[in-house]
Amino acid sequence: MGSPLGPILADLFLAKLENGPLKEAIKKLDLYCRYIDDTFIVVDQNTSKDELLEQFNSVHPAISFTCEGECDMKLNFLDVTLSRRSDGSLSRSVYRKRPSACQYTHFYSFTPIQYKRNLVKCLTSRANKICSVDTLSQELEFIYDSLTEIGYPAAFIKKYMYDTRKKSEILTVRKKPLYIKLPFNGDVASETLKDRLTKVISRTFYAAYLALTFSSRPVMSTQTKDKLPELASSMCIYKFSCSCGDSYIGRTTRQLNQRMSEHLPAWFGKGQIKTIRSSILAHLIDSGHTVDKLKSFQVIYRIPPSFPNGVRSRLLHIAEAIGIRTFHPNLCVQKKFVTPLSLPWPDIT
């Protein structure tokens, strides 16, 4: 059942067996009910439990049922404990594997108050649905004692227990939930925001109701990787600024430091002249200006990595054209290789 598809596949598989090799065996049982892979069976005293279990396990090699029978006139099934009375009737109570208040959220924990309020409502509602008349008061008393152990005020518990038990459910067309998740900033701020959003949504969307959840921000940062230096940026638009005021706008799919080494090769500044393939390099040689790589080059825009590669490449060309149109760099002499733009606004001067 570790996979999200586990319950669905189990339901389909057992339904096929129930309508196939187990069909005749099920007809002979007094009662047969199943919820996903948990089965509830009632048989007479003359039926052998071991033989019935062997028959069910023999229909398929992947099947391995286990059996839990009645013990001390009690039988547990899912969240319910069935107890047989002396007159043969059944009483119902809530079944817990490990009854402990520690499994619930402490009242003074840093979580939204609605979670604590809903805990009281949920436990009370479950008791109302499962327990029979003779066990309900005992279950409610157990809920009350368990919650008071972890700091819940008595008035708080009684209020929402009473509201849940007295609430009458009106049959009508169900509204659709409108899910919103917001950061938790304390009970007062969260409750105020919830009330305001609830009123707005109820007045605006009549067929929906607000399903608001709050998430507590982690105390410690989850970022484990160091931030990359700017010169290691790729798929970006960069700008070169000379000390004389001339500038250049370009794009690169590789890391910026690799592109910088093409604009400023290793032989530059050593009195050598080789093939010049960059307008930045030509400008520096003609003017004799000096340049500091770390200060002269800067990234002005990065393409988000969430887009597909083809879209990122297209956006990179468009971003370069917008940068050239915005900054008017006079060292961009190869403008015929720049993507043409049809924008609704004139050139920026």
Protein backbone atom coordinates (compact mmCIF):
# COMPACT_ATOMS: atom_id res chain seq x y z
CA MET A 1 0.00 0.00 0.00
CA GLY A 2 3.02 2.26 -0.28
CA SER A 3 2.00 3.45 -3.76
CA PRO A 4 -0.85 5.95 -4.28
CA LEU A 5 -2.35 3.41 -6.70
CA GLY A 6 -2.15 0.63 -4.11
CA PRO A 7 -5.71 0.91 -2.71
CA ILE A 8 -7.23 1.20 -6.19
CA LEU A 9 -5.33 -1.81 -7.55
CA ALA A 10 -6.16 -3.87 -4.45
CA ASP A 11 -9.85 -3.03 -4.80
CA LEU A 12 -9.89 -4.00 -8.49
CA PHE A 13 -7.93 -7.21 -7.89
CA LEU A 14 -10.14 -8.44 -5.04
CA ALA A 15 -13.32 -7.46 -6.89
CA LYS A 16 -12.19 -9.69 -9.77
CA LEU A 17 -11.61 -12.59 -7.37
CA GLU A 18 -14.99 -12.03 -5.69
CA ASN A 19 -16.76 -12.33 -9.04
CA GLY A 20 -14.60 -15.28 -10.10
CA PRO A 21 -13.16 -18.14 -8.04
CA LEU A 22 -14.55 -16.84 -4.69
CA LYS A 23 -18.08 -16.19 -5.92
CA GLU A 24 -19.59 -19.50 -4.80
CA ALA A 25 -17.77 -19.46 -1.45
CA ILE A 26 -19.04 -15.97 -0.65
CA LYS A 27 -22.65 -16.98 -1.35
CA LYS A 28 -22.47 -19.56 1.44
CA LEU A 29 -21.41 -16.98 4.07
CA ASP A 30 -23.92 -15.33 6.39
CA LEU A 31 -22.32 -11.91 5.81
CA TYR A 32 -19.47 -10.72 3.60
CA CYS A 33 -18.32 -7.07 3.50
CA ARG A 34 -15.07 -5.57 2.26
CA TYR A 35 -13.35 -2.16 2.41
CA ILE A 36 -10.39 -2.17 -0.03
CA ASP A 37 -8.41 -5.14 1.38
CA ASP A 38 -10.06 -5.46 4.82
CA THR A 39 -12.84 -8.06 4.86
CA PHE A 40 -15.57 -8.62 7.46
CA ILE A 41 -17.16 -12.08 7.46
CA VAL A 42 -19.88 -13.65 9.61
CA VAL A 43 -20.23 -17.44 9.61
CA ASP A 44 -22.01 -19.97 11.82
CA GLN A 45 -20.21 -21.89 14.54
CA ASN A 46 -19.96 -25.07 12.45
CA THR A 47 -17.74 -23.38 9.81
CA SER A 48 -14.02 -23.95 10.29
CA LYS A 49 -12.12 -20.68 10.36
CA ASP A 50 -8.87 -22.32 9.25
CA GLU A 51 -10.47 -24.09 6.29
CA LEU A 52 -12.15 -20.89 5.15
CA LEU A 53 -8.85 -18.98 5.36
CA GLU A 54 -7.08 -21.71 3.38
CA GLN A 55 -9.79 -21.61 0.71
CA PHE A 56 -9.43 -17.84 0.28
CA ASN A 57 -5.63 -17.99 0.11
CA SER A 58 -5.63 -20.78 -2.47
CA VAL A 59 -7.37 -18.82 -5.25
CA HIS A 60 -4.25 -16.87 -6.25
CA PRO A 61 -0.52 -17.15 -5.38
CA ALA A 62 -0.28 -13.39 -4.63
CA ILE A 63 -3.03 -13.59 -1.99
CA SER A 64 -2.07 -13.97 1.66
CA PHE A 65 -5.02 -13.27 3.95
CA THR A 66 -4.65 -13.23 7.72
CA CYS A 67 -7.51 -13.85 10.08
CA GLU A 68 -8.53 -12.13 13.30
CA GLY A 69 -11.42 -13.83 15.00
CA GLU A 70 -13.74 -12.87 17.81
CA CYS A 71 -12.02 -12.76 21.21
CA ASP A 72 -13.83 -12.23 24.52
CA MET A 73 -16.99 -11.44 22.56
CA LYS A 74 -15.20 -8.57 20.77
CA LEU A 75 -13.95 -8.07 17.22
CA ASN A 76 -11.98 -5.10 15.82
CA PHE A 77 -12.54 -3.97 12.25
CA LEU A 78 -10.97 -0.76 10.92
CA ASP A 79 -11.80 1.97 13.50
CA VAL A 80 -14.65 0.03 15.10
CA THR A 81 -14.76 -2.43 17.97
CA LEU A 82 -17.86 -4.66 17.87
CA SER A 83 -18.92 -6.15 21.19
CA ARG A 84 -21.60 -8.81 21.58
CA ARG A 85 -24.11 -8.23 24.36
CA SER A 86 -25.67 -10.95 26.43
CA ASP A 87 -28.88 -10.75 24.39
CA GLY A 88 -26.97 -11.29 21.13
CA SER A 89 -27.11 -7.68 19.89
CA LEU A 90 -23.98 -5.68 19.05
CA SER A 91 -22.57 -2.52 20.55
CA ARG A 92 -20.02 -0.33 18.79
CA SER A 93 -17.08 1.68 20.13
CA VAL A 94 -13.98 3.36 18.71
CA TYR A 95 -10.99 1.06 18.24
CA ARG A 96 -7.48 2.39 18.89
CA LYS A 97 -4.30 0.42 18.52
CA ARG A 98 -2.35 2.64 20.92
CA PRO A 99 -4.67 4.92 22.94
CA SER A 100 -2.45 7.87 23.84
CA ALA A 101 -2.93 11.64 23.92
CA CYS A 102 0.65 12.10 22.66
CA GLN A 103 -0.49 11.41 19.10
CA TYR A 104 -2.47 14.68 19.04
CA THR A 105 -1.19 18.25 18.59
CA HIS A 106 -0.47 20.01 21.87
CA PHE A 107 -2.67 23.03 22.48
CA TYR A 108 0.32 25.36 22.94
CA SER A 109 2.16 24.21 19.81
CA PHE A 110 2.83 26.81 17.10
CA THR A 111 0.08 25.69 14.73
CA PRO A 112 -3.10 27.46 13.61
CA ILE A 113 -5.93 27.44 16.12
CA GLN A 114 -8.26 25.99 13.49
CA TYR A 115 -6.25 22.73 13.54
CA LYS A 116 -6.86 22.39 17.28
CA ARG A 117 -10.51 23.33 16.91
CA ASN A 118 -10.95 20.80 14.10
CA LEU A 119 -9.28 18.10 16.21
CA VAL A 120 -12.04 18.37 18.83
CA LYS A 121 -14.71 18.40 16.12
CA CYS A 122 -13.19 15.44 14.26
CA LEU A 123 -12.87 13.23 17.34
CA THR A 124 -16.40 14.12 18.47
CA SER A 125 -17.86 13.52 15.00
CA ARG A 126 -16.15 10.14 14.76
CA ALA A 127 -17.53 9.15 18.15
CA ASN A 128 -21.06 10.14 17.08
CA LYS A 129 -20.83 8.09 13.88
CA ILE A 130 -19.24 4.96 15.35
CA CYS A 131 -20.40 4.57 18.95
CA SER A 132 -23.69 3.09 19.99
CA VAL A 133 -25.81 4.79 22.64
CA ASP A 134 -24.33 2.86 25.57
CA THR A 135 -20.68 3.58 24.62
CA LEU A 136 -20.91 7.17 23.37
CA SER A 137 -20.63 8.88 26.76
CA GLN A 138 -17.57 6.78 27.64
CA GLU A 139 -15.86 7.72 24.35
CA LEU A 140 -16.58 11.44 24.81
CA GLU A 141 -15.17 11.26 28.32
CA PHE A 142 -12.03 9.60 26.97
CA ILE A 143 -11.63 12.38 24.36
CA TYR A 144 -12.09 15.03 27.04
CA ASP A 145 -9.47 13.49 29.36
CA SER A 146 -6.97 12.93 26.52
CA LEU A 147 -7.17 16.54 25.31
CA THR A 148 -6.96 18.07 28.77
CA GLU A 149 -3.72 16.14 29.30
CA ILE A 150 -2.11 18.06 26.43
CA GLY A 151 -3.22 21.52 27.48
CA TYR A 152 -6.65 21.95 25.90
CA PRO A 153 -8.86 24.17 28.09
CA ALA A 154 -12.03 22.54 29.41
CA ALA A 155 -14.25 25.33 28.04
CA PHE A 156 -12.63 24.99 24.59
CA ILE A 157 -13.30 21.24 24.45
CA LYS A 158 -16.87 21.49 25.71
CA LYS A 159 -17.79 24.29 23.29
CA TYR A 160 -16.77 22.46 20.11
CA MET A 161 -18.00 19.10 21.39
CA TYR A 162 -21.43 20.67 21.94
CA ASP A 163 -21.41 22.48 18.58
CA THR A 164 -20.49 19.29 16.73
CA ARG A 165 -23.12 17.12 18.42
CA LYS A 166 -25.93 19.66 18.01
CA LYS A 167 -25.14 20.64 14.46
CA SER A 168 -27.85 19.45 12.10
CA GLU A 169 -26.76 18.60 8.58
CA ILE A 170 -28.99 20.07 5.88
CA LEU A 171 -29.18 18.09 2.64
CA THR A 172 -28.43 20.43 -0.23
CA VAL A 173 -26.14 20.76 -3.23
CA ARG A 174 -22.57 20.48 -2.01
CA LYS A 175 -20.34 23.47 -2.52
CA LYS A 176 -16.94 23.05 -4.13
CA PRO A 177 -13.86 23.75 -1.99
CA LEU A 178 -11.63 26.67 -2.95
CA TYR A 179 -8.16 25.72 -1.70
CA ILE A 180 -5.78 28.46 -0.58
CA LYS A 181 -2.46 27.93 1.23
CA LEU A 182 -0.84 30.80 3.14
CA PRO A 183 2.10 31.14 5.57
CA PHE A 184 1.18 30.99 9.26
CA ASN A 185 1.93 34.24 11.13
CA GLY A 186 0.29 33.57 14.48
CA ASP A 187 -3.25 32.85 15.65
CA VAL A 188 -4.56 36.42 15.71
CA ALA A 189 -3.38 37.39 12.24
CA SER A 190 -4.38 34.04 10.73
CA GLU A 191 -7.89 34.09 12.22
CA THR A 192 -8.46 37.68 11.10
CA LEU A 193 -7.35 36.87 7.56
CA LYS A 194 -9.47 33.72 7.49
CA ASP A 195 -12.61 35.62 8.55
CA ARG A 196 -12.08 38.29 5.90
CA LEU A 197 -11.43 35.80 3.10
CA THR A 198 -14.42 33.69 4.13
CA LYS A 199 -16.74 36.71 3.92
CA VAL A 200 -15.36 37.80 0.54
CA ILE A 201 -15.62 34.32 -1.00
CA SER A 202 -19.13 33.70 0.39
CA ARG A 203 -20.31 36.96 -1.19
CA THR A 204 -18.50 36.41 -4.50
CA PHE A 205 -18.53 32.66 -5.18
CA TYR A 206 -21.86 31.21 -4.07
CA ALA A 207 -21.03 27.68 -5.23
CA ALA A 208 -17.72 27.49 -3.32
CA TYR A 209 -16.45 27.55 0.22
CA LEU A 210 -13.02 28.49 1.53
CA ALA A 211 -10.63 25.65 2.38
CA LEU A 212 -7.78 27.64 3.89
CA THR A 213 -4.62 25.99 5.21
CA PHE A 214 -1.61 27.57 6.85
CA SER A 215 1.96 26.31 6.61
CA SER A 216 4.52 26.98 9.30
CA ARG A 217 7.79 28.20 7.86
CA PRO A 218 10.84 26.10 8.84
CA VAL A 219 13.03 27.59 11.55
CA MET A 220 16.19 26.52 9.74
CA SER A 221 16.81 27.17 6.06
CA THR A 222 16.60 24.12 3.80
CA GLN A 223 19.01 25.57 1.23
CA THR A 224 22.05 23.29 1.18
CA LYS A 225 23.78 24.45 -2.00
CA ASP A 226 26.01 27.50 -2.23
CA LYS A 227 24.83 30.26 -4.53
CA LEU A 228 26.68 30.27 -7.86
CA PRO A 229 28.86 33.32 -8.56
CA GLU A 230 27.55 35.73 -11.18
CA LEU A 231 30.33 34.87 -13.63
CA ALA A 232 29.14 31.24 -13.63
CA SER A 233 25.68 32.25 -14.93
CA SER A 234 24.52 30.71 -18.21
CA MET A 235 21.55 31.40 -20.52
CA CYS A 236 21.76 35.07 -19.62
CA ILE A 237 22.01 38.60 -21.04
CA TYR A 238 25.14 40.52 -20.03
CA LYS A 239 26.34 44.09 -20.32
CA PHE A 240 29.89 45.38 -20.78
CA SER A 241 30.65 48.94 -19.65
CA CYS A 242 33.89 50.69 -20.54
CA SER A 243 35.39 53.48 -18.46
CA CYS A 244 34.75 55.90 -21.33
CA GLY A 245 30.99 55.25 -21.26
CA ASP A 246 30.72 52.92 -24.26
CA SER A 247 28.79 49.72 -23.67
CA TYR A 248 27.87 46.38 -25.20
CA ILE A 249 24.87 44.07 -24.75
CA GLY A 250 25.21 40.38 -25.55
CA ARG A 251 23.79 36.93 -24.87
CA THR A 252 25.40 33.64 -23.98
CA THR A 253 24.20 30.07 -23.50
CA ARG A 254 27.44 29.14 -21.75
CA GLN A 255 28.87 30.44 -18.51
CA LEU A 256 29.63 34.15 -18.58
CA ASN A 257 33.33 33.69 -17.71
CA GLN A 258 33.77 31.58 -20.87
CA ARG A 259 32.18 34.30 -22.99
CA MET A 260 34.38 36.94 -21.29
CA SER A 261 37.51 35.00 -22.27
CA GLU A 262 36.43 35.30 -25.92
CA HIS A 263 35.95 39.06 -25.63
CA LEU A 264 39.22 39.46 -23.69
CA PRO A 265 41.59 36.65 -24.79
CA ALA A 266 44.72 35.70 -22.86
CA TRP A 267 47.05 37.58 -25.24
CA PHE A 268 45.23 40.91 -24.66
CA GLY A 269 47.38 43.34 -22.64
CA LYS A 270 50.65 41.53 -23.41
CA GLY A 271 51.65 43.63 -26.42
CA GLN A 272 50.46 41.05 -28.92
CA ILE A 273 47.96 41.53 -31.73
CA LYS A 274 46.13 38.53 -33.15
CA THR A 275 42.79 37.97 -34.87
CA ILE A 276 40.13 40.30 -33.46
CA ARG A 277 36.61 38.82 -33.40
CA SER A 278 34.99 41.03 -30.76
CA SER A 279 33.88 44.66 -30.96
CA ILE A 280 34.76 45.00 -27.25
CA LEU A 281 38.31 43.85 -27.94
CA ALA A 282 38.60 46.12 -30.99
CA HIS A 283 37.42 49.13 -28.94
CA LEU A 284 39.93 48.50 -26.14
CA ILE A 285 42.86 48.06 -28.56
CA ASP A 286 41.97 51.20 -30.54
CA SER A 287 41.36 53.38 -27.46
CA GLY A 288 44.05 51.93 -25.22
CA HIS A 289 41.61 51.78 -22.30
CA THR A 290 42.18 49.34 -19.47
CA VAL A 291 39.41 47.15 -18.12
CA ASP A 292 38.61 45.26 -14.92
CA LYS A 293 36.76 42.08 -15.88
CA LEU A 294 34.90 41.72 -12.60
CA LYS A 295 33.59 45.30 -12.68
CA SER A 296 33.03 45.77 -16.41
CA PHE A 297 30.82 42.71 -17.03
CA GLN A 298 27.50 42.21 -15.30
CA VAL A 299 24.46 39.97 -15.79
CA ILE A 300 21.32 42.01 -16.44
CA TYR A 301 18.85 39.16 -17.04
CA ARG A 302 18.71 35.35 -16.60
CA ILE A 303 16.31 33.09 -18.48
CA PRO A 304 14.26 31.05 -15.95
CA PRO A 305 15.34 27.37 -15.97
CA SER A 306 11.74 26.13 -15.76
CA PHE A 307 11.08 26.64 -19.49
CA PRO A 308 11.89 24.01 -22.15
CA ASN A 309 15.22 24.44 -23.95
CA GLY A 310 13.63 25.61 -27.19
CA VAL A 311 11.59 28.27 -25.41
CA ARG A 312 14.61 29.40 -23.37
CA SER A 313 16.67 29.85 -26.53
CA ARG A 314 13.92 31.95 -28.12
CA LEU A 315 13.51 34.05 -24.98
CA LEU A 316 17.26 34.61 -24.87
CA HIS A 317 17.23 36.17 -28.36
CA ILE A 318 14.22 38.34 -27.53
CA ALA A 319 15.74 39.50 -24.25
CA GLU A 320 18.95 40.52 -26.05
CA ALA A 321 16.96 42.55 -28.58
CA ILE A 322 15.04 44.29 -25.78
CA GLY A 323 18.29 45.06 -23.96
CA ILE A 324 19.85 46.60 -27.08
CA ARG A 325 16.71 48.63 -27.75
CA THR A 326 16.65 49.82 -24.13
CA PHE A 327 20.32 50.72 -23.53
CA HIS A 328 21.44 51.61 -27.10
CA PRO A 329 24.97 50.16 -26.71
CA ASN A 330 27.24 51.71 -29.34
CA LEU A 331 29.62 48.72 -29.40
CA CYS A 332 26.93 46.37 -30.76
CA VAL A 333 28.01 46.69 -34.39
CA GLN A 334 26.49 43.39 -35.56
CA LYS A 335 22.85 44.37 -35.12
CA LYS A 336 21.83 42.38 -38.20
CA PHE A 337 22.17 39.21 -36.08
CA VAL A 338 19.75 40.51 -33.43
CA THR A 339 16.12 39.32 -33.40
CA PRO A 340 13.81 42.04 -34.81
CA LEU A 341 11.08 43.24 -32.43
CA SER A 342 7.56 44.46 -33.09
CA LEU A 343 6.74 46.17 -29.82
CA PRO A 344 3.73 48.41 -29.06
CA TRP A 345 5.96 51.16 -27.62
CA PRO A 346 8.56 53.38 -29.38
CA ASP A 347 12.31 53.22 -28.88
CA ILE A 348 13.46 54.21 -25.38
CA THR A 349 15.69 57.26 -25.54
